[in-house]
Amino acid sequence: MADTGSAPSTPAAQAAASRLAGMRPPAAVAAAAPEPEPSGRKAKKAKGKEADAGGKKKKPIKPILLVVVLLLVGYVVKGKVVKPHYGPKDPVPPGAIFDLPTSVTTNLPDGHLAQIAMSLQLTKVGSAKVVTKDTSEIMNTAVQIVGSQTYSGLLSVHGRVVVKREILKALQQELGTTDGAQQVSAVYFTSFVVQ
Protein backbone atom coordinates (compact mmCIF):
# COMPACT_ATOMS: atom_id res chain seq x y z
CA MET A 1 0.00 0.00 0.00
CA ALA A 2 1.17 3.45 -0.80
CA ASP A 3 1.80 5.96 1.87
CA THR A 4 -0.71 8.75 1.32
CA GLY A 5 0.64 10.99 4.02
CA SER A 6 3.76 11.97 2.16
CA ALA A 7 3.73 14.17 -0.95
CA PRO A 8 5.06 12.85 -4.23
CA SER A 9 8.64 13.94 -4.82
CA THR A 10 8.76 14.63 -8.57
CA PRO A 11 6.75 17.31 -10.37
CA ALA A 12 5.20 14.73 -12.69
CA ALA A 13 4.06 12.70 -9.71
CA GLN A 14 2.67 15.82 -8.07
CA ALA A 15 0.70 16.70 -11.21
CA ALA A 16 -0.71 13.18 -11.43
CA ALA A 17 -1.67 13.18 -7.76
CA SER A 18 -3.36 16.56 -8.16
CA ARG A 19 -5.39 15.36 -11.13
CA LEU A 20 -6.57 12.36 -9.15
CA ALA A 21 -7.55 14.59 -6.28
CA GLY A 22 -9.26 17.12 -8.65
CA MET A 23 -6.87 19.93 -7.88
CA ARG A 24 -4.65 22.03 -10.06
CA PRO A 25 -1.02 21.07 -10.35
CA PRO A 26 1.33 23.17 -8.14
CA ALA A 27 2.97 24.85 -11.19
CA ALA A 28 -0.39 26.05 -12.43
CA VAL A 29 -1.24 27.37 -8.99
CA ALA A 30 2.02 29.28 -8.87
CA ALA A 31 1.43 30.70 -12.35
CA ALA A 32 -2.12 31.74 -11.57
CA ALA A 33 -1.22 33.56 -8.34
CA PRO A 34 -0.21 37.19 -8.88
CA GLU A 35 3.39 38.05 -8.07
CA PRO A 36 3.99 40.68 -5.42
CA GLU A 37 5.10 44.12 -6.70
CA PRO A 38 8.87 44.60 -6.42
CA SER A 39 10.03 47.65 -4.51
CA GLY A 40 13.10 49.90 -4.67
CA ARG A 41 15.64 49.35 -7.42
CA LYS A 42 13.89 46.26 -8.68
CA ALA A 43 10.71 48.26 -9.26
CA LYS A 44 12.59 50.90 -11.30
CA LYS A 45 14.30 48.24 -13.38
CA ALA A 46 10.99 46.48 -13.98
CA LYS A 47 9.29 49.71 -15.04
CA GLY A 48 12.23 50.54 -17.30
CA LYS A 49 11.96 47.12 -18.94
CA GLU A 50 8.22 47.59 -19.43
CA ALA A 51 8.82 51.01 -21.00
CA ASP A 52 11.53 49.59 -23.28
CA ALA A 53 9.24 46.75 -24.28
CA GLY A 54 6.29 49.10 -24.91
CA GLY A 55 8.20 51.71 -26.90
CA LYS A 56 11.15 54.03 -26.88
CA LYS A 57 12.03 55.87 -23.68
CA LYS A 58 11.36 59.62 -23.86
CA LYS A 59 14.41 61.84 -23.50
CA PRO A 60 14.21 64.96 -21.33
CA ILE A 61 14.33 67.47 -24.20
CA LYS A 62 12.65 70.42 -22.47
CA PRO A 63 15.14 70.75 -19.58
CA ILE A 64 18.12 70.43 -21.94
CA LEU A 65 16.66 72.96 -24.35
CA LEU A 66 15.93 75.35 -21.48
CA VAL A 67 19.52 75.12 -20.22
CA VAL A 68 20.94 75.77 -23.72
CA VAL A 69 18.67 78.81 -24.23
CA LEU A 70 19.62 80.22 -20.82
CA LEU A 71 23.33 79.79 -21.58
CA LEU A 72 22.97 81.57 -24.93
CA VAL A 73 21.02 84.45 -23.37
CA GLY A 74 23.64 84.77 -20.63
CA TYR A 75 26.45 84.86 -23.20
CA VAL A 76 24.74 87.60 -25.22
CA VAL A 77 23.96 89.66 -22.11
CA LYS A 78 27.56 89.33 -20.92
CA GLY A 79 28.81 90.58 -24.30
CA LYS A 80 26.49 93.60 -24.16
CA VAL A 81 26.86 94.53 -20.49
CA VAL A 82 30.36 93.48 -19.49
CA LYS A 83 32.93 95.16 -21.70
CA PRO A 84 36.43 93.73 -21.98
CA HIS A 85 39.15 95.51 -20.10
CA TYR A 86 42.54 95.47 -21.76
CA GLY A 87 45.73 95.56 -19.74
CA PRO A 88 48.97 97.24 -20.81
CA LYS A 89 50.29 94.03 -22.41
CA ASP A 90 46.98 92.83 -23.88
CA PRO A 91 46.70 93.31 -27.65
CA VAL A 92 43.63 95.28 -28.66
CA PRO A 93 41.92 94.14 -31.87
CA PRO A 94 41.87 96.72 -34.66
CA GLY A 95 38.67 98.57 -35.43
CA ALA A 96 37.62 100.92 -38.19
CA ILE A 97 39.92 103.23 -40.14
CA PHE A 98 38.98 106.89 -39.80
CA ASP A 99 40.00 109.23 -42.64
CA LEU A 100 40.65 112.78 -41.48
CA PRO A 101 38.45 115.08 -43.57
CA THR A 102 41.19 117.51 -44.61
CA SER A 103 44.90 117.26 -45.17
CA VAL A 104 47.53 118.90 -43.01
CA THR A 105 49.20 121.77 -44.87
CA THR A 106 51.96 123.67 -43.13
CA ASN A 107 55.16 125.59 -43.71
CA LEU A 108 58.39 123.95 -42.62
CA PRO A 109 61.02 125.93 -40.65
CA ASP A 110 63.44 125.88 -43.62
CA GLY A 111 60.97 127.59 -45.97
CA HIS A 112 59.44 124.53 -47.64
CA LEU A 113 55.81 123.37 -47.65
CA ALA A 114 54.36 120.02 -46.50
CA GLN A 115 50.90 118.71 -47.33
CA ILE A 116 49.95 115.40 -45.69
CA ALA A 117 46.64 113.51 -45.72
CA MET A 118 46.18 111.03 -42.87
CA SER A 119 43.99 108.16 -41.70
CA LEU A 120 43.79 106.83 -38.18
CA GLN A 121 43.56 103.14 -37.32
CA LEU A 122 41.09 102.98 -34.46
CA THR A 123 41.08 100.08 -32.03
CA LYS A 124 38.00 97.97 -31.35
CA VAL A 125 37.18 100.16 -28.34
CA GLY A 126 37.93 103.40 -30.20
CA SER A 127 34.99 105.57 -31.11
CA ALA A 128 34.69 107.38 -34.44
CA LYS A 129 32.33 109.84 -32.69
CA VAL A 130 35.07 110.87 -30.26
CA VAL A 131 37.59 111.27 -33.10
CA THR A 132 35.09 113.27 -35.18
CA LYS A 133 34.39 115.53 -32.22
CA ASP A 134 38.13 116.08 -31.68
CA THR A 135 39.08 116.52 -35.36
CA SER A 136 40.20 120.14 -34.85
CA GLU A 137 42.49 119.14 -31.99
CA ILE A 138 43.87 116.20 -33.99
CA MET A 139 44.61 118.44 -36.98
CA ASN A 140 46.27 121.03 -34.72
CA THR A 141 48.51 118.36 -33.17
CA ALA A 142 49.50 117.06 -36.61
CA VAL A 143 50.26 120.58 -37.89
CA GLN A 144 52.51 121.28 -34.91
CA ILE A 145 54.45 118.01 -35.27
CA VAL A 146 54.84 118.19 -39.07
CA GLY A 147 55.63 121.92 -38.88
CA SER A 148 58.57 121.25 -36.57
CA GLN A 149 60.28 118.94 -39.11
CA THR A 150 62.74 119.88 -41.82
CA TYR A 151 62.47 119.34 -45.55
CA SER A 152 65.36 116.85 -45.65
CA GLY A 153 64.02 115.00 -42.60
CA LEU A 154 60.60 114.48 -44.23
CA LEU A 155 62.11 113.27 -47.53
CA SER A 156 63.73 110.21 -45.93
CA VAL A 157 61.72 107.11 -45.08
CA HIS A 158 63.12 107.10 -41.56
CA GLY A 159 62.00 110.72 -41.09
CA ARG A 160 58.41 109.87 -42.10
CA VAL A 161 58.37 106.89 -39.70
CA VAL A 162 59.55 109.17 -36.88
CA VAL A 163 56.80 111.71 -37.69
CA LYS A 164 54.17 108.93 -37.67
CA ARG A 165 55.34 107.74 -34.25
CA GLU A 166 55.31 111.28 -32.84
CA ILE A 167 51.80 111.95 -34.18
CA LEU A 168 50.54 108.59 -32.85
CA LYS A 169 52.02 109.18 -29.40
CA ALA A 170 50.52 112.69 -29.23
CA LEU A 171 47.08 111.49 -30.37
CA GLN A 172 47.06 108.62 -27.89
CA GLN A 173 47.76 111.10 -25.09
CA GLU A 174 45.16 113.48 -26.43
CA LEU A 175 42.35 110.96 -26.97
CA GLY A 176 43.12 108.87 -23.91
CA THR A 177 41.99 105.32 -23.24
CA THR A 178 38.69 103.48 -23.21
CA ASP A 179 38.29 100.21 -21.29
CA GLY A 180 42.03 100.22 -20.62
CA ALA A 181 43.03 100.46 -24.29
CA GLN A 182 44.17 103.27 -26.56
CA GLN A 183 41.60 104.51 -29.05
CA VAL A 184 44.12 104.93 -31.89
CA SER A 185 46.65 102.22 -32.73
CA ALA A 186 48.28 103.56 -35.92
CA VAL A 187 48.60 106.59 -38.19
CA TYR A 188 48.66 106.15 -41.98
CA PHE A 189 49.78 108.76 -44.49
CA THR A 190 47.46 108.53 -47.50
CA SER A 191 49.09 111.46 -49.29
CA PHE A 192 52.50 112.99 -48.60
CA VAL A 193 53.77 116.02 -50.56
CA VAL A 194 56.81 118.10 -49.59
CA GLN A 195 57.89 121.10 -51.75
C-alpha atoms as a PDB file:
ATOM      1  CA  MET A   1       0.000   0.000   0.000  1.00  0.00           C
ATOM      2  CA  ALA A   2       1.173   3.450  -0.803  1.00  0.00           C
ATOM      3  CA  ASP A   3       1.801   5.963   1.873  1.00  0.00           C
ATOM      4  CA  THR A   4      -0.711   8.747   1.319  1.00  0.00           C
ATOM      5  CA  GLY A   5       0.642  10.991   4.021  1.00  0.00           C
ATOM      6  CA  SER A   6       3.760  11.968   2.156  1.00  0.00           C
ATOM      7  CA  ALA A   7       3.731  14.167  -0.945  1.00  0.00           C
ATOM      8  CA  PRO A   8       5.063  12.852  -4.233  1.00  0.00           C
ATOM      9  CA  SER A   9       8.640  13.939  -4.819  1.00  0.00           C
ATOM     10  CA  THR A  10       8.759  14.634  -8.570  1.00  0.00           C
ATOM     11  CA  PRO A  11       6.751  17.309 -10.373  1.00  0.00           C
ATOM     12  CA  ALA A  12       5.196  14.733 -12.692  1.00  0.00           C
ATOM     13  CA  ALA A  13       4.064  12.702  -9.715  1.00  0.00           C
ATOM     14  CA  GLN A  14       2.671  15.817  -8.068  1.00  0.00           C
ATOM     15  CA  ALA A  15       0.697  16.695 -11.206  1.00  0.00           C
ATOM     16  CA  ALA A  16      -0.710  13.178 -11.433  1.00  0.00           C
ATOM     17  CA  ALA A  17      -1.673  13.176  -7.760  1.00  0.00           C
ATOM     18  CA  SER A  18      -3.362  16.560  -8.163  1.00  0.00           C
ATOM     19  CA  ARG A  19      -5.392  15.361 -11.134  1.00  0.00           C
ATOM     20  CA  LEU A  20      -6.570  12.358  -9.149  1.00  0.00           C
ATOM     21  CA  ALA A  21      -7.553  14.593  -6.281  1.00  0.00           C
ATOM     22  CA  GLY A  22      -9.255  17.122  -8.650  1.00  0.00           C
ATOM     23  CA  MET A  23      -6.868  19.934  -7.879  1.00  0.00           C
ATOM     24  CA  ARG A  24      -4.648  22.027 -10.058  1.00  0.00           C
ATOM     25  CA  PRO A  25      -1.023  21.069 -10.350  1.00  0.00           C
ATOM     26  CA  PRO A  26       1.331  23.167  -8.145  1.00  0.00           C
ATOM     27  CA  ALA A  27       2.974  24.847 -11.190  1.00  0.00           C
ATOM     28  CA  ALA A  28      -0.394  26.052 -12.426  1.00  0.00           C
ATOM     29  CA  VAL A  29      -1.240  27.369  -8.985  1.00  0.00           C
ATOM     30  CA  ALA A  30       2.017  29.284  -8.872  1.00  0.00           C
ATOM     31  CA  ALA A  31       1.434  30.702 -12.354  1.00  0.00           C
ATOM     32  CA  ALA A  32      -2.124  31.735 -11.566  1.00  0.00           C
ATOM     33  CA  ALA A  33      -1.218  33.562  -8.342  1.00  0.00           C
ATOM     34  CA  PRO A  34      -0.206  37.191  -8.884  1.00  0.00           C
ATOM     35  CA  GLU A  35       3.393  38.053  -8.065  1.00  0.00           C
ATOM     36  CA  PRO A  36       3.992  40.682  -5.420  1.00  0.00           C
ATOM     37  CA  GLU A  37       5.102  44.121  -6.699  1.00  0.00           C
ATOM     38  CA  PRO A  38       8.866  44.603  -6.419  1.00  0.00           C
ATOM     39  CA  SER A  39      10.034  47.647  -4.509  1.00  0.00           C
ATOM     40  CA  GLY A  40      13.104  49.902  -4.673  1.00  0.00           C
ATOM     41  CA  ARG A  41      15.636  49.355  -7.420  1.00  0.00           C
ATOM     42  CA  LYS A  42      13.891  46.259  -8.675  1.00  0.00           C
ATOM     43  CA  ALA A  43      10.710  48.260  -9.264  1.00  0.00           C
ATOM     44  CA  LYS A  44      12.587  50.901 -11.295  1.00  0.00           C
ATOM     45  CA  LYS A  45      14.298  48.237 -13.380  1.00  0.00           C
ATOM     46  CA  ALA A  46      10.986  46.476 -13.980  1.00  0.00           C
ATOM     47  CA  LYS A  47       9.286  49.710 -15.037  1.00  0.00           C
ATOM     48  CA  GLY A  48      12.232  50.537 -17.296  1.00  0.00           C
ATOM     49  CA  LYS A  49      11.959  47.123 -18.935  1.00  0.00           C
ATOM     50  CA  GLU A  50       8.218  47.588 -19.426  1.00  0.00           C
ATOM     51  CA  ALA A  51       8.821  51.014 -21.004  1.00  0.00           C
ATOM     52  CA  ASP A  52      11.528  49.592 -23.278  1.00  0.00           C
ATOM     53  CA  ALA A  53       9.242  46.747 -24.284  1.00  0.00           C
ATOM     54  CA  GLY A  54       6.288  49.100 -24.905  1.00  0.00           C
ATOM     55  CA  GLY A  55       8.203  51.712 -26.903  1.00  0.00           C
ATOM     56  CA  LYS A  56      11.154  54.034 -26.882  1.00  0.00           C
ATOM     57  CA  LYS A  57      12.028  55.870 -23.682  1.00  0.00           C
ATOM     58  CA  LYS A  58      11.363  59.618 -23.861  1.00  0.00           C
ATOM     59  CA  LYS A  59      14.412  61.840 -23.504  1.00  0.00           C
ATOM     60  CA  PRO A  60      14.210  64.958 -21.326  1.00  0.00           C
ATOM     61  CA  ILE A  61      14.326  67.470 -24.199  1.00  0.00           C
ATOM     62  CA  LYS A  62      12.653  70.421 -22.472  1.00  0.00           C
ATOM     63  CA  PRO A  63      15.143  70.752 -19.578  1.00  0.00           C
ATOM     64  CA  ILE A  64      18.121  70.427 -21.936  1.00  0.00           C
ATOM     65  CA  LEU A  65      16.657  72.964 -24.346  1.00  0.00           C
ATOM     66  CA  LEU A  66      15.928  75.349 -21.477  1.00  0.00           C
ATOM     67  CA  VAL A  67      19.522  75.116 -20.225  1.00  0.00           C
ATOM     68  CA  VAL A  68      20.935  75.767 -23.723  1.00  0.00           C
ATOM     69  CA  VAL A  69      18.672  78.807 -24.235  1.00  0.00           C
ATOM     70  CA  LEU A  70      19.621  80.223 -20.821  1.00  0.00           C
ATOM     71  CA  LEU A  71      23.329  79.792 -21.583  1.00  0.00           C
ATOM     72  CA  LEU A  72      22.970  81.573 -24.935  1.00  0.00           C
ATOM     73  CA  VAL A  73      21.019  84.445 -23.375  1.00  0.00           C
ATOM     74  CA  GLY A  74      23.640  84.767 -20.628  1.00  0.00           C
ATOM     75  CA  TYR A  75      26.449  84.855 -23.200  1.00  0.00           C
ATOM     76  CA  VAL A  76      24.737  87.600 -25.218  1.00  0.00           C
ATOM     77  CA  VAL A  77      23.962  89.664 -22.115  1.00  0.00           C
ATOM     78  CA  LYS A  78      27.564  89.330 -20.917  1.00  0.00           C
ATOM     79  CA  GLY A  79      28.810  90.580 -24.301  1.00  0.00           C
ATOM     80  CA  LYS A  80      26.494  93.604 -24.162  1.00  0.00           C
ATOM     81  CA  VAL A  81      26.858  94.526 -20.489  1.00  0.00           C
ATOM     82  CA  VAL A  82      30.361  93.481 -19.488  1.00  0.00           C
ATOM     83  CA  LYS A  83      32.931  95.161 -21.705  1.00  0.00           C
ATOM     84  CA  PRO A  84      36.427  93.726 -21.983  1.00  0.00           C
ATOM     85  CA  HIS A  85      39.152  95.513 -20.097  1.00  0.00           C
ATOM     86  CA  TYR A  86      42.540  95.474 -21.761  1.00  0.00           C
ATOM     87  CA  GLY A  87      45.732  95.562 -19.742  1.00  0.00           C
ATOM     88  CA  PRO A  88      48.969  97.237 -20.807  1.00  0.00           C
ATOM     89  CA  LYS A  89      50.288  94.032 -22.406  1.00  0.00           C
ATOM     90  CA  ASP A  90      46.980  92.832 -23.881  1.00  0.00           C
ATOM     91  CA  PRO A  91      46.698  93.310 -27.646  1.00  0.00           C
ATOM     92  CA  VAL A  92      43.626  95.285 -28.664  1.00  0.00           C
ATOM     93  CA  PRO A  93      41.922  94.140 -31.873  1.00  0.00           C
ATOM     94  CA  PRO A  94      41.875  96.724 -34.658  1.00  0.00           C
ATOM     95  CA  GLY A  95      38.674  98.571 -35.426  1.00  0.00           C
ATOM     96  CA  ALA A  96      37.619 100.920 -38.189  1.00  0.00           C
ATOM     97  CA  ILE A  97      39.919 103.229 -40.144  1.00  0.00           C
ATOM     98  CA  PHE A  98      38.981 106.885 -39.805  1.00  0.00           C
ATOM     99  CA  ASP A  99      39.998 109.230 -42.642  1.00  0.00           C
ATOM    100  CA  LEU A 100      40.646 112.776 -41.484  1.00  0.00           C
ATOM    101  CA  PRO A 101      38.450 115.077 -43.573  1.00  0.00           C
ATOM    102  CA  THR A 102      41.194 117.515 -44.607  1.00  0.00           C
ATOM    103  CA  SER A 103      44.904 117.255 -45.171  1.00  0.00           C
ATOM    104  CA  VAL A 104      47.533 118.900 -43.011  1.00  0.00           C
ATOM    105  CA  THR A 105      49.199 121.774 -44.872  1.00  0.00           C
ATOM    106  CA  THR A 106      51.957 123.668 -43.126  1.00  0.00           C
ATOM    107  CA  ASN A 107      55.164 125.588 -43.709  1.00  0.00           C
ATOM    108  CA  LEU A 108      58.393 123.950 -42.617  1.00  0.00           C
ATOM    109  CA  PRO A 109      61.023 125.927 -40.651  1.00  0.00           C
ATOM    110  CA  ASP A 110      63.439 125.881 -43.622  1.00  0.00           C
ATOM    111  CA  GLY A 111      60.971 127.593 -45.972  1.00  0.00           C
ATOM    112  CA  HIS A 112      59.438 124.532 -47.645  1.00  0.00           C
ATOM    113  CA  LEU A 113      55.807 123.372 -47.647  1.00  0.00           C
ATOM    114  CA  ALA A 114      54.357 120.020 -46.502  1.00  0.00           C
ATOM    115  CA  GLN A 115      50.897 118.708 -47.331  1.00  0.00           C
ATOM    116  CA  ILE A 116      49.946 115.396 -45.689  1.00  0.00           C
ATOM    117  CA  ALA A 117      46.637 113.506 -45.720  1.00  0.00           C
ATOM    118  CA  MET A 118      46.175 111.027 -42.871  1.00  0.00           C
ATOM    119  CA  SER A 119      43.994 108.164 -41.701  1.00  0.00           C
ATOM    120  CA  LEU A 120      43.794 106.826 -38.182  1.00  0.00           C
ATOM    121  CA  GLN A 121      43.557 103.137 -37.321  1.00  0.00           C
ATOM    122  CA  LEU A 122      41.090 102.984 -34.456  1.00  0.00           C
ATOM    123  CA  THR A 123      41.076 100.083 -32.026  1.00  0.00           C
ATOM    124  CA  LYS A 124      37.998  97.975 -31.349  1.00  0.00           C
ATOM    125  CA  VAL A 125      37.182 100.158 -28.343  1.00  0.00           C
ATOM    126  CA  GLY A 126      37.929 103.398 -30.201  1.00  0.00           C
ATOM    127  CA  SER A 127      34.986 105.572 -31.108  1.00  0.00           C
ATOM    128  CA  ALA A 128      34.685 107.378 -34.440  1.00  0.00           C
ATOM    129  CA  LYS A 129      32.328 109.838 -32.692  1.00  0.00           C
ATOM    130  CA  VAL A 130      35.066 110.871 -30.264  1.00  0.00           C
ATOM    131  CA  VAL A 131      37.586 111.273 -33.098  1.00  0.00           C
ATOM    132  CA  THR A 132      35.085 113.273 -35.179  1.00  0.00           C
ATOM    133  CA  LYS A 133      34.387 115.531 -32.217  1.00  0.00           C
ATOM    134  CA  ASP A 134      38.129 116.081 -31.680  1.00  0.00           C
ATOM    135  CA  THR A 135      39.079 116.521 -35.360  1.00  0.00           C
ATOM    136  CA  SER A 136      40.204 120.137 -34.850  1.00  0.00           C
ATOM    137  CA  GLU A 137      42.491 119.139 -31.994  1.00  0.00           C
ATOM    138  CA  ILE A 138      43.874 116.205 -33.995  1.00  0.00           C
ATOM    139  CA  MET A 139      44.609 118.437 -36.983  1.00  0.00           C
ATOM    140  CA  ASN A 140      46.272 121.032 -34.722  1.00  0.00           C
ATOM    141  CA  THR A 141      48.513 118.363 -33.174  1.00  0.00           C
ATOM    142  CA  ALA A 142      49.502 117.060 -36.611  1.00  0.00           C
ATOM    143  CA  VAL A 143      50.265 120.578 -37.889  1.00  0.00           C
ATOM    144  CA  GLN A 144      52.512 121.285 -34.911  1.00  0.00           C
ATOM    145  CA  ILE A 145      54.446 118.009 -35.267  1.00  0.00           C
ATOM    146  CA  VAL A 146      54.837 118.188 -39.069  1.00  0.00           C
ATOM    147  CA  GLY A 147      55.629 121.923 -38.878  1.00  0.00           C
ATOM    148  CA  SER A 148      58.573 121.247 -36.566  1.00  0.00           C
ATOM    149  CA  GLN A 149      60.282 118.942 -39.106  1.00  0.00           C
ATOM    150  CA  THR A 150      62.740 119.877 -41.822  1.00  0.00           C
ATOM    151  CA  TYR A 151      62.467 119.337 -45.552  1.00  0.00           C
ATOM    152  CA  SER A 152      65.365 116.846 -45.651  1.00  0.00           C
ATOM    153  CA  GLY A 153      64.022 115.001 -42.598  1.00  0.00           C
ATOM    154  CA  LEU A 154      60.601 114.484 -44.230  1.00  0.00           C
ATOM    155  CA  LEU A 155      62.106 113.271 -47.528  1.00  0.00           C
ATOM    156  CA  SER A 156      63.735 110.212 -45.933  1.00  0.00           C
ATOM    157  CA  VAL A 157      61.717 107.111 -45.078  1.00  0.00           C
ATOM    158  CA  HIS A 158      63.123 107.099 -41.564  1.00  0.00           C
ATOM    159  CA  GLY A 159      61.997 110.719 -41.092  1.00  0.00           C
ATOM    160  CA  ARG A 160      58.415 109.870 -42.099  1.00  0.00           C
ATOM    161  CA  VAL A 161      58.369 106.892 -39.696  1.00  0.00           C
ATOM    162  CA  VAL A 162      59.551 109.175 -36.881  1.00  0.00           C
ATOM    163  CA  VAL A 163      56.805 111.708 -37.693  1.00  0.00           C
ATOM    164  CA  LYS A 164      54.167 108.926 -37.675  1.00  0.00           C
ATOM    165  CA  ARG A 165      55.343 107.744 -34.249  1.00  0.00           C
ATOM    166  CA  GLU A 166      55.307 111.279 -32.841  1.00  0.00           C
ATOM    167  CA  ILE A 167      51.798 111.948 -34.183  1.00  0.00           C
ATOM    168  CA  LEU A 168      50.539 108.592 -32.852  1.00  0.00           C
ATOM    169  CA  LYS A 169      52.024 109.183 -29.403  1.00  0.00           C
ATOM    170  CA  ALA A 170      50.523 112.693 -29.228  1.00  0.00           C
ATOM    171  CA  LEU A 171      47.079 111.493 -30.375  1.00  0.00           C
ATOM    172  CA  GLN A 172      47.065 108.620 -27.887  1.00  0.00           C
ATOM    173  CA  GLN A 173      47.759 111.097 -25.086  1.00  0.00           C
ATOM    174  CA  GLU A 174      45.155 113.485 -26.431  1.00  0.00           C
ATOM    175  CA  LEU A 175      42.347 110.958 -26.973  1.00  0.00           C
ATOM    176  CA  GLY A 176      43.116 108.866 -23.910  1.00  0.00           C
ATOM    177  CA  THR A 177      41.995 105.319 -23.242  1.00  0.00           C
ATOM    178  CA  THR A 178      38.694 103.479 -23.210  1.00  0.00           C
ATOM    179  CA  ASP A 179      38.293 100.210 -21.286  1.00  0.00           C
ATOM    180  CA  GLY A 180      42.028 100.216 -20.615  1.00  0.00           C
ATOM    181  CA  ALA A 181      43.033 100.460 -24.290  1.00  0.00           C
ATOM    182  CA  GLN A 182      44.170 103.266 -26.560  1.00  0.00           C
ATOM    183  CA  GLN A 183      41.602 104.512 -29.051  1.00  0.00           C
ATOM    184  CA  VAL A 184      44.124 104.925 -31.887  1.00  0.00           C
ATOM    185  CA  SER A 185      46.647 102.217 -32.729  1.00  0.00           C
ATOM    186  CA  ALA A 186      48.280 103.563 -35.917  1.00  0.00           C
ATOM    187  CA  VAL A 187      48.601 106.590 -38.190  1.00  0.00           C
ATOM    188  CA  TYR A 188      48.665 106.153 -41.982  1.00  0.00           C
ATOM    189  CA  PHE A 189      49.780 108.758 -44.489  1.00  0.00           C
ATOM    190  CA  THR A 190      47.457 108.529 -47.501  1.00  0.00           C
ATOM    191  CA  SER A 191      49.089 111.463 -49.286  1.00  0.00           C
ATOM    192  CA  PHE A 192      52.502 112.992 -48.602  1.00  0.00           C
ATOM    193  CA  VAL A 193      53.773 116.019 -50.555  1.00  0.00           C
ATOM    194  CA  VAL A 194      56.809 118.095 -49.589  1.00  0.00           C
ATOM    195  CA  GLN A 195      57.894 121.098 -51.748  1.00  0.00           C
END
